């Protein structure tokens, strides 16, 4: 009975070793190879030029007006209302 259990343990250790080596081999970091892309259209989108025509919007403009109440980056509004 003891002999039948031994090959199973060796097989389990072999599977564990192979899985561990696969995990460790996938950890190398090469900045020139970013990895595999499975859905490239979602990763790199096609951008429109800022002032070009855009068929997606009714007015045909790509450049959109900012939403009302939007504060520009780097701008801190004065916290007090102007009084006369």
C-alpha atoms as a PDB file:
ATOM      1  CA  UNK A   1       0.000   0.000   0.000  1.00  0.00           C
ATOM      2  CA  UNK A   2       2.811   2.395   0.808  1.00  0.00           C
ATOM      3  CA  UNK A   3       4.334   1.904  -2.659  1.00  0.00           C
ATOM      4  CA  UNK A   4       1.146   2.979  -4.459  1.00  0.00           C
ATOM      5  CA  UNK A   5       1.021   6.276  -2.572  1.00  0.00           C
ATOM      6  CA  UNK A   6       4.618   7.229  -3.362  1.00  0.00           C
ATOM      7  CA  UNK A   7       4.228   7.753  -7.175  1.00  0.00           C
ATOM      8  CA  UNK A   8       1.203   9.967  -6.522  1.00  0.00           C
ATOM      9  CA  UNK A   9       3.247  12.161  -4.174  1.00  0.00           C
ATOM     10  CA  UNK A  10       6.070  12.415  -6.710  1.00  0.00           C
ATOM     11  CA  UNK A  11       3.570  13.371  -9.413  1.00  0.00           C
ATOM     12  CA  UNK A  12       2.027  16.052  -7.152  1.00  0.00           C
ATOM     13  CA  UNK A  13       5.470  17.456  -6.336  1.00  0.00           C
ATOM     14  CA  UNK A  14       6.359  17.472 -10.026  1.00  0.00           C
ATOM     15  CA  UNK A  15       3.152  19.355 -10.874  1.00  0.00           C
ATOM     16  CA  UNK A  16       3.847  21.837  -8.062  1.00  0.00           C
ATOM     17  CA  UNK A  17       7.432  22.323  -9.245  1.00  0.00           C
ATOM     18  CA  UNK A  18       6.414  22.876 -12.885  1.00  0.00           C
ATOM     19  CA  UNK A  19       3.658  25.317 -11.868  1.00  0.00           C
ATOM     20  CA  UNK A  20       6.108  27.202  -9.641  1.00  0.00           C
ATOM     21  CA  UNK A  21       8.673  27.443 -12.427  1.00  0.00           C
ATOM     22  CA  UNK A  22       6.042  28.736 -14.840  1.00  0.00           C
ATOM     23  CA  UNK A  23       5.002  31.416 -12.347  1.00  0.00           C
ATOM     24  CA  UNK A  24       8.598  32.436 -11.666  1.00  0.00           C
ATOM     25  CA  UNK A  25       9.488  32.552 -15.359  1.00  0.00           C
ATOM     26  CA  UNK A  26       6.566  34.889 -16.030  1.00  0.00           C
ATOM     27  CA  UNK A  27       7.840  37.397 -13.451  1.00  0.00           C
ATOM     28  CA  UNK A  28      10.775  38.714 -15.478  1.00  0.00           C
ATOM     29  CA  UNK A  29      10.363  42.381 -16.253  1.00  0.00           C
ATOM     30  CA  UNK A  30      11.454  43.568 -19.668  1.00  0.00           C
ATOM     31  CA  UNK A  31      10.442  47.190 -20.389  1.00  0.00           C
ATOM     32  CA  UNK A  32      10.830  46.595 -24.135  1.00  0.00           C
ATOM     33  CA  UNK A  33       8.180  43.857 -24.084  1.00  0.00           C
ATOM     34  CA  UNK A  34       5.019  45.062 -22.324  1.00  0.00           C
ATOM     35  CA  UNK A  35       3.271  41.701 -22.646  1.00  0.00           C
ATOM     36  CA  UNK A  36       0.416  40.356 -24.701  1.00  0.00           C
ATOM     37  CA  UNK A  37      -2.604  42.421 -25.714  1.00  0.00           C
ATOM     38  CA  UNK A  38      -5.817  40.447 -26.094  1.00  0.00           C
ATOM     39  CA  UNK A  39      -8.174  43.321 -27.001  1.00  0.00           C
ATOM     40  CA  UNK A  40      -6.013  45.914 -28.779  1.00  0.00           C
ATOM     41  CA  UNK A  41      -8.941  48.177 -29.723  1.00  0.00           C
ATOM     42  CA  UNK A  42      -9.686  48.728 -26.044  1.00  0.00           C
ATOM     43  CA  UNK A  43      -6.024  49.266 -25.158  1.00  0.00           C
ATOM     44  CA  UNK A  44      -5.152  51.796 -27.869  1.00  0.00           C
ATOM     45  CA  UNK A  45      -8.066  53.905 -29.034  1.00  0.00           C
ATOM     46  CA  UNK A  46      -8.164  55.915 -32.229  1.00  0.00           C
ATOM     47  CA  UNK A  47      -8.090  59.574 -31.245  1.00  0.00           C
ATOM     48  CA  UNK A  48      -9.489  62.481 -33.257  1.00  0.00           C
ATOM     49  CA  UNK A  49      -7.485  65.645 -33.825  1.00  0.00           C
ATOM     50  CA  UNK A  50      -8.653  68.484 -31.575  1.00  0.00           C
ATOM     51  CA  UNK A  51     -10.164  70.781 -34.207  1.00  0.00           C
ATOM     52  CA  UNK A  52     -11.129  68.157 -36.793  1.00  0.00           C
ATOM     53  CA  UNK A  53     -14.652  67.225 -37.817  1.00  0.00           C
ATOM     54  CA  UNK A  54     -16.260  64.446 -35.839  1.00  0.00           C
ATOM     55  CA  UNK A  55     -19.165  62.405 -37.231  1.00  0.00           C
ATOM     56  CA  UNK A  56     -20.138  61.193 -33.751  1.00  0.00           C
ATOM     57  CA  UNK A  57     -21.600  64.504 -32.536  1.00  0.00           C
ATOM     58  CA  UNK A  58     -24.497  66.434 -34.101  1.00  0.00           C
ATOM     59  CA  UNK A  59     -22.545  69.687 -34.454  1.00  0.00           C
ATOM     60  CA  UNK A  60     -19.579  67.854 -36.005  1.00  0.00           C
ATOM     61  CA  UNK A  61     -17.044  69.303 -33.545  1.00  0.00           C
ATOM     62  CA  UNK A  62     -14.427  67.209 -31.797  1.00  0.00           C
ATOM     63  CA  UNK A  63     -13.491  69.904 -29.271  1.00  0.00           C
ATOM     64  CA  UNK A  64     -16.212  70.050 -26.597  1.00  0.00           C
ATOM     65  CA  UNK A  65     -17.154  72.983 -24.402  1.00  0.00           C
ATOM     66  CA  UNK A  66     -16.433  72.373 -20.709  1.00  0.00           C
ATOM     67  CA  UNK A  67     -19.369  71.542 -18.468  1.00  0.00           C
ATOM     68  CA  UNK A  68     -20.856  74.546 -16.662  1.00  0.00           C
ATOM     69  CA  UNK A  69     -19.166  75.064 -13.296  1.00  0.00           C
ATOM     70  CA  UNK A  70     -15.929  73.352 -14.342  1.00  0.00           C
ATOM     71  CA  UNK A  71     -12.788  74.778 -12.731  1.00  0.00           C
ATOM     72  CA  UNK A  72      -9.636  74.781 -14.905  1.00  0.00           C
ATOM     73  CA  UNK A  73      -6.582  72.885 -13.689  1.00  0.00           C
ATOM     74  CA  UNK A  74      -4.218  74.992 -11.632  1.00  0.00           C
ATOM     75  CA  UNK A  75      -6.898  77.633 -10.988  1.00  0.00           C
ATOM     76  CA  UNK A  76      -8.049  78.301  -7.442  1.00  0.00           C
ATOM     77  CA  UNK A  77     -11.184  80.441  -7.346  1.00  0.00           C
ATOM     78  CA  UNK A  78     -11.307  83.338  -4.917  1.00  0.00           C
ATOM     79  CA  UNK A  79     -13.477  82.189  -1.979  1.00  0.00           C
ATOM     80  CA  UNK A  80     -15.380  85.501  -1.603  1.00  0.00           C
ATOM     81  CA  UNK A  81     -18.078  87.080  -3.727  1.00  0.00           C
ATOM     82  CA  UNK A  82     -17.278  90.455  -5.303  1.00  0.00           C
ATOM     83  CA  UNK A  83     -19.013  93.288  -3.390  1.00  0.00           C
ATOM     84  CA  UNK A  84     -19.450  96.844  -4.593  1.00  0.00           C
END
